[in-house]
Amino acid sequence: MNHQVDGRKLGRNTSHRRALFRNLANALIEQERIVTTVAKAKEAKRFVEKLITLAKKNTVAARRLAFARTRCQESVEKLFSTLLERYQQRPGGYTRVIRLSERRRGDAAQMAAFELVDHPLIDRKRKPKDQKLPAADSQAPQAHDPFKRFRKLFRSKKTTQETQSS
């Protein structure tokens, strides 16, 4: 019987599972929102919540313990500066798991957005390229030449050959 066994194994051995949670936690702390499977997000939630609670102690021993668990100095710095200020008054519940409608293509796993609560909105949409408007004084639009770049390349070779032969 499997009494008092806590947590999902996720089809990995212990060291691989610990490395997975460490990487998920570092990615979440750095980016504040990641997309992963629901099972991984639920298990990583336990790991990240303990890290943020540890950061609220704000001692040297807590910093060292956080570094021992994450092995990433940038994550520890953000934990003890930005996230400490953000979650100082919150008693818990620093993360949320939001199920997404689409499934992963390879194995049809249920996907989830795993994010920090109260994170600033992140604009990750592609921004359209600034298109230059034609000058108002030119009446006729010029025809687009798709080979203009290549003509410049070949033109420069011809001019260099002519100067070398003379």
C-alpha atoms as a PDB file:
ATOM      1  CA  MET A   1       0.000   0.000   0.000  1.00  0.00           C
ATOM      2  CA  ASN A   2       1.034   3.561  -0.649  1.00  0.00           C
ATOM      3  CA  HIS A   3       0.176   5.246   2.641  1.00  0.00           C
ATOM      4  CA  GLN A   4       1.507   8.725   3.459  1.00  0.00           C
ATOM      5  CA  VAL A   5       3.301   9.143   0.132  1.00  0.00           C
ATOM      6  CA  ASP A   6       3.064  12.738  -0.925  1.00  0.00           C
ATOM      7  CA  GLY A   7       3.319  14.258  -4.385  1.00  0.00           C
ATOM      8  CA  ARG A   8       3.254  13.106  -7.983  1.00  0.00           C
ATOM      9  CA  LYS A   9       6.179  11.226  -9.466  1.00  0.00           C
ATOM     10  CA  LEU A  10       5.588  12.546 -13.008  1.00  0.00           C
ATOM     11  CA  GLY A  11       7.354   9.546 -14.525  1.00  0.00           C
ATOM     12  CA  ARG A  12      10.774  10.703 -13.328  1.00  0.00           C
ATOM     13  CA  ASN A  13      13.316   9.595 -10.787  1.00  0.00           C
ATOM     14  CA  THR A  14      13.958  11.751  -7.735  1.00  0.00           C
ATOM     15  CA  SER A  15      16.873  13.813  -9.028  1.00  0.00           C
ATOM     16  CA  HIS A  16      15.154  14.497 -12.344  1.00  0.00           C
ATOM     17  CA  ARG A  17      11.950  15.509 -10.565  1.00  0.00           C
ATOM     18  CA  ARG A  18      13.804  17.883  -8.244  1.00  0.00           C
ATOM     19  CA  ALA A  19      15.592  19.444 -11.206  1.00  0.00           C
ATOM     20  CA  LEU A  20      12.253  19.858 -12.991  1.00  0.00           C
ATOM     21  CA  PHE A  21      10.727  21.709 -10.034  1.00  0.00           C
ATOM     22  CA  ARG A  22      13.848  23.845  -9.675  1.00  0.00           C
ATOM     23  CA  ASN A  23      13.704  24.843 -13.353  1.00  0.00           C
ATOM     24  CA  LEU A  24       9.963  25.523 -13.267  1.00  0.00           C
ATOM     25  CA  ALA A  25      10.376  27.667 -10.154  1.00  0.00           C
ATOM     26  CA  ASN A  26      13.230  29.669 -11.684  1.00  0.00           C
ATOM     27  CA  ALA A  27      11.260  30.235 -14.876  1.00  0.00           C
ATOM     28  CA  LEU A  28       8.181  31.331 -12.941  1.00  0.00           C
ATOM     29  CA  ILE A  29      10.139  33.715 -10.739  1.00  0.00           C
ATOM     30  CA  GLU A  30      11.921  35.270 -13.724  1.00  0.00           C
ATOM     31  CA  GLN A  31       8.988  35.479 -16.175  1.00  0.00           C
ATOM     32  CA  GLU A  32       6.073  35.546 -13.675  1.00  0.00           C
ATOM     33  CA  ARG A  33       3.913  33.469 -16.053  1.00  0.00           C
ATOM     34  CA  ILE A  34       4.706  30.181 -17.781  1.00  0.00           C
ATOM     35  CA  VAL A  35       2.739  27.524 -19.658  1.00  0.00           C
ATOM     36  CA  THR A  36       3.181  23.913 -18.595  1.00  0.00           C
ATOM     37  CA  THR A  37       1.072  20.828 -17.936  1.00  0.00           C
ATOM     38  CA  VAL A  38      -1.512  20.885 -15.177  1.00  0.00           C
ATOM     39  CA  ALA A  39       0.192  18.131 -13.152  1.00  0.00           C
ATOM     40  CA  LYS A  40       3.589  19.857 -13.281  1.00  0.00           C
ATOM     41  CA  ALA A  41       2.037  23.211 -12.368  1.00  0.00           C
ATOM     42  CA  LYS A  42       0.203  21.777  -9.368  1.00  0.00           C
ATOM     43  CA  GLU A  43       3.351  20.125  -8.039  1.00  0.00           C
ATOM     44  CA  ALA A  44       5.592  23.132  -8.753  1.00  0.00           C
ATOM     45  CA  LYS A  45       3.065  25.329  -6.941  1.00  0.00           C
ATOM     46  CA  ARG A  46       4.011  23.677  -3.648  1.00  0.00           C
ATOM     47  CA  PHE A  47       7.697  24.310  -4.353  1.00  0.00           C
ATOM     48  CA  VAL A  48       7.283  27.982  -5.340  1.00  0.00           C
ATOM     49  CA  GLU A  49       4.931  28.860  -2.488  1.00  0.00           C
ATOM     50  CA  LYS A  50       7.487  27.576   0.022  1.00  0.00           C
ATOM     51  CA  LEU A  51      10.212  29.662  -1.653  1.00  0.00           C
ATOM     52  CA  ILE A  52       8.171  32.864  -1.440  1.00  0.00           C
ATOM     53  CA  THR A  53       7.288  32.170   2.190  1.00  0.00           C
ATOM     54  CA  LEU A  54      10.986  31.606   2.864  1.00  0.00           C
ATOM     55  CA  ALA A  55      11.809  34.923   1.183  1.00  0.00           C
ATOM     56  CA  LYS A  56       9.441  36.749   3.527  1.00  0.00           C
ATOM     57  CA  LYS A  57      11.822  35.950   6.416  1.00  0.00           C
ATOM     58  CA  ASN A  58      14.470  38.107   4.697  1.00  0.00           C
ATOM     59  CA  THR A  59      17.488  36.731   6.574  1.00  0.00           C
ATOM     60  CA  VAL A  60      20.891  35.633   5.354  1.00  0.00           C
ATOM     61  CA  ALA A  61      20.087  32.036   6.253  1.00  0.00           C
ATOM     62  CA  ALA A  62      16.865  32.248   4.227  1.00  0.00           C
ATOM     63  CA  ARG A  63      18.790  33.610   1.223  1.00  0.00           C
ATOM     64  CA  ARG A  64      21.280  30.774   1.419  1.00  0.00           C
ATOM     65  CA  LEU A  65      18.511  28.212   1.707  1.00  0.00           C
ATOM     66  CA  ALA A  66      16.681  29.755  -1.260  1.00  0.00           C
ATOM     67  CA  PHE A  67      19.876  29.616  -3.326  1.00  0.00           C
ATOM     68  CA  ALA A  68      20.419  25.993  -2.301  1.00  0.00           C
ATOM     69  CA  ARG A  69      16.940  25.148  -3.583  1.00  0.00           C
ATOM     70  CA  THR A  70      16.994  27.203  -6.807  1.00  0.00           C
ATOM     71  CA  ARG A  71      20.719  27.334  -7.701  1.00  0.00           C
ATOM     72  CA  CYS A  72      20.070  30.644  -9.481  1.00  0.00           C
ATOM     73  CA  GLN A  73      21.324  33.938  -8.080  1.00  0.00           C
ATOM     74  CA  GLU A  74      18.996  36.058 -10.276  1.00  0.00           C
ATOM     75  CA  SER A  75      15.947  34.212  -8.949  1.00  0.00           C
ATOM     76  CA  VAL A  76      17.082  34.684  -5.362  1.00  0.00           C
ATOM     77  CA  GLU A  77      17.648  38.408  -5.910  1.00  0.00           C
ATOM     78  CA  LYS A  78      14.185  38.835  -7.403  1.00  0.00           C
ATOM     79  CA  LEU A  79      12.626  36.759  -4.604  1.00  0.00           C
ATOM     80  CA  PHE A  80      14.180  38.914  -1.907  1.00  0.00           C
ATOM     81  CA  SER A  81      13.521  42.261  -3.577  1.00  0.00           C
ATOM     82  CA  THR A  82      10.545  42.512  -5.931  1.00  0.00           C
ATOM     83  CA  LEU A  83       8.503  39.550  -4.745  1.00  0.00           C
ATOM     84  CA  LEU A  84       9.223  40.224  -1.068  1.00  0.00           C
ATOM     85  CA  GLU A  85       7.709  43.708  -1.380  1.00  0.00           C
ATOM     86  CA  ARG A  86       4.759  42.453  -3.426  1.00  0.00           C
ATOM     87  CA  TYR A  87       3.745  39.602  -1.096  1.00  0.00           C
ATOM     88  CA  GLN A  88       4.784  40.978   2.313  1.00  0.00           C
ATOM     89  CA  GLN A  89       1.171  41.435   3.485  1.00  0.00           C
ATOM     90  CA  ARG A  90      -0.279  38.350   1.736  1.00  0.00           C
ATOM     91  CA  PRO A  91      -0.593  35.320   4.060  1.00  0.00           C
ATOM     92  CA  GLY A  92      -0.293  32.742   1.269  1.00  0.00           C
ATOM     93  CA  GLY A  93      -1.637  31.790  -2.133  1.00  0.00           C
ATOM     94  CA  TYR A  94       1.066  33.459  -4.203  1.00  0.00           C
ATOM     95  CA  THR A  95       0.489  31.446  -7.378  1.00  0.00           C
ATOM     96  CA  ARG A  96      -2.436  30.288  -9.499  1.00  0.00           C
ATOM     97  CA  VAL A  97      -2.944  27.541 -12.052  1.00  0.00           C
ATOM     98  CA  ILE A  98      -5.302  28.396 -14.919  1.00  0.00           C
ATOM     99  CA  ARG A  99      -6.280  25.548 -17.215  1.00  0.00           C
ATOM    100  CA  LEU A 100      -5.987  26.304 -20.914  1.00  0.00           C
ATOM    101  CA  SER A 101      -8.434  25.042 -23.506  1.00  0.00           C
ATOM    102  CA  GLU A 102      -5.951  23.672 -26.018  1.00  0.00           C
ATOM    103  CA  ARG A 103      -4.002  20.509 -25.379  1.00  0.00           C
ATOM    104  CA  ARG A 104      -0.381  19.762 -26.232  1.00  0.00           C
ATOM    105  CA  ARG A 105       0.038  18.345 -29.733  1.00  0.00           C
ATOM    106  CA  GLY A 106       2.360  15.447 -28.994  1.00  0.00           C
ATOM    107  CA  ASP A 107       0.609  13.650 -26.135  1.00  0.00           C
ATOM    108  CA  ALA A 108      -2.618  15.665 -25.748  1.00  0.00           C
ATOM    109  CA  ALA A 109      -1.665  16.650 -22.195  1.00  0.00           C
ATOM    110  CA  GLN A 110      -3.895  19.219 -20.493  1.00  0.00           C
ATOM    111  CA  MET A 111      -1.986  22.510 -20.432  1.00  0.00           C
ATOM    112  CA  ALA A 112      -2.150  25.279 -17.840  1.00  0.00           C
ATOM    113  CA  ALA A 113      -0.912  28.808 -17.345  1.00  0.00           C
ATOM    114  CA  PHE A 114       1.075  28.913 -14.111  1.00  0.00           C
ATOM    115  CA  GLU A 115       1.482  32.471 -12.850  1.00  0.00           C
ATOM    116  CA  LEU A 116       2.184  34.606  -9.844  1.00  0.00           C
ATOM    117  CA  VAL A 117      -0.820  36.370  -8.344  1.00  0.00           C
ATOM    118  CA  ASP A 118      -0.796  40.196  -8.597  1.00  0.00           C
ATOM    119  CA  HIS A 119       1.858  40.215 -11.292  1.00  0.00           C
ATOM    120  CA  PRO A 120       1.918  43.245 -13.580  1.00  0.00           C
ATOM    121  CA  LEU A 121       0.349  42.628 -16.959  1.00  0.00           C
ATOM    122  CA  ILE A 122       2.938  41.526 -19.468  1.00  0.00           C
ATOM    123  CA  ASP A 123       2.392  42.549 -23.085  1.00  0.00           C
ATOM    124  CA  ARG A 124       3.818  39.667 -25.101  1.00  0.00           C
ATOM    125  CA  LYS A 125       1.970  40.355 -28.334  1.00  0.00           C
ATOM    126  CA  ARG A 126       3.942  40.971 -31.463  1.00  0.00           C
ATOM    127  CA  LYS A 127       4.156  44.601 -32.317  1.00  0.00           C
ATOM    128  CA  PRO A 128       3.526  45.518 -35.957  1.00  0.00           C
ATOM    129  CA  LYS A 129       6.492  46.833 -37.845  1.00  0.00           C
ATOM    130  CA  ASP A 130       6.437  50.543 -38.484  1.00  0.00           C
ATOM    131  CA  GLN A 131       5.649  50.958 -42.140  1.00  0.00           C
ATOM    132  CA  LYS A 132       6.974  54.079 -43.733  1.00  0.00           C
ATOM    133  CA  LEU A 133       4.297  56.099 -45.410  1.00  0.00           C
ATOM    134  CA  PRO A 134       5.061  57.424 -48.899  1.00  0.00           C
ATOM    135  CA  ALA A 135       5.821  61.116 -49.089  1.00  0.00           C
ATOM    136  CA  ALA A 136       2.789  63.305 -49.759  1.00  0.00           C
ATOM    137  CA  ASP A 137       4.513  65.262 -52.554  1.00  0.00           C
ATOM    138  CA  SER A 138       5.111  62.200 -54.739  1.00  0.00           C
ATOM    139  CA  GLN A 139       1.901  61.478 -56.632  1.00  0.00           C
ATOM    140  CA  ALA A 140       2.697  58.133 -58.277  1.00  0.00           C
ATOM    141  CA  PRO A 141       3.617  55.236 -56.000  1.00  0.00           C
ATOM    142  CA  GLN A 142       6.818  53.485 -57.001  1.00  0.00           C
ATOM    143  CA  ALA A 143       6.665  49.837 -58.005  1.00  0.00           C
ATOM    144  CA  HIS A 144       8.066  47.415 -55.450  1.00  0.00           C
ATOM    145  CA  ASP A 145      11.218  45.679 -56.657  1.00  0.00           C
ATOM    146  CA  PRO A 146      11.716  42.385 -54.785  1.00  0.00           C
ATOM    147  CA  PHE A 147      15.239  41.940 -56.215  1.00  0.00           C
ATOM    148  CA  LYS A 148      16.501  45.420 -55.348  1.00  0.00           C
ATOM    149  CA  ARG A 149      18.799  44.106 -52.627  1.00  0.00           C
ATOM    150  CA  PHE A 150      20.384  41.567 -54.972  1.00  0.00           C
ATOM    151  CA  ARG A 151      20.834  44.138 -57.733  1.00  0.00           C
ATOM    152  CA  LYS A 152      22.788  46.274 -55.322  1.00  0.00           C
ATOM    153  CA  LEU A 153      25.046  43.317 -54.516  1.00  0.00           C
ATOM    154  CA  PHE A 154      25.756  42.523 -58.163  1.00  0.00           C
ATOM    155  CA  ARG A 155      26.121  46.188 -59.101  1.00  0.00           C
ATOM    156  CA  SER A 156      28.836  46.638 -56.512  1.00  0.00           C
ATOM    157  CA  LYS A 157      30.737  43.615 -57.884  1.00  0.00           C
ATOM    158  CA  LYS A 158      30.616  44.959 -61.426  1.00  0.00           C
ATOM    159  CA  THR A 159      31.929  48.341 -60.387  1.00  0.00           C
ATOM    160  CA  THR A 160      34.806  46.793 -58.470  1.00  0.00           C
ATOM    161  CA  GLN A 161      35.707  44.548 -61.433  1.00  0.00           C
ATOM    162  CA  GLU A 162      35.683  47.516 -63.816  1.00  0.00           C
ATOM    163  CA  THR A 163      37.996  49.513 -61.586  1.00  0.00           C
ATOM    164  CA  GLN A 164      40.423  46.585 -61.255  1.00  0.00           C
ATOM    165  CA  SER A 165      40.604  45.994 -65.037  1.00  0.00           C
ATOM    166  CA  SER A 166      41.376  49.632 -65.877  1.00  0.00           C
END
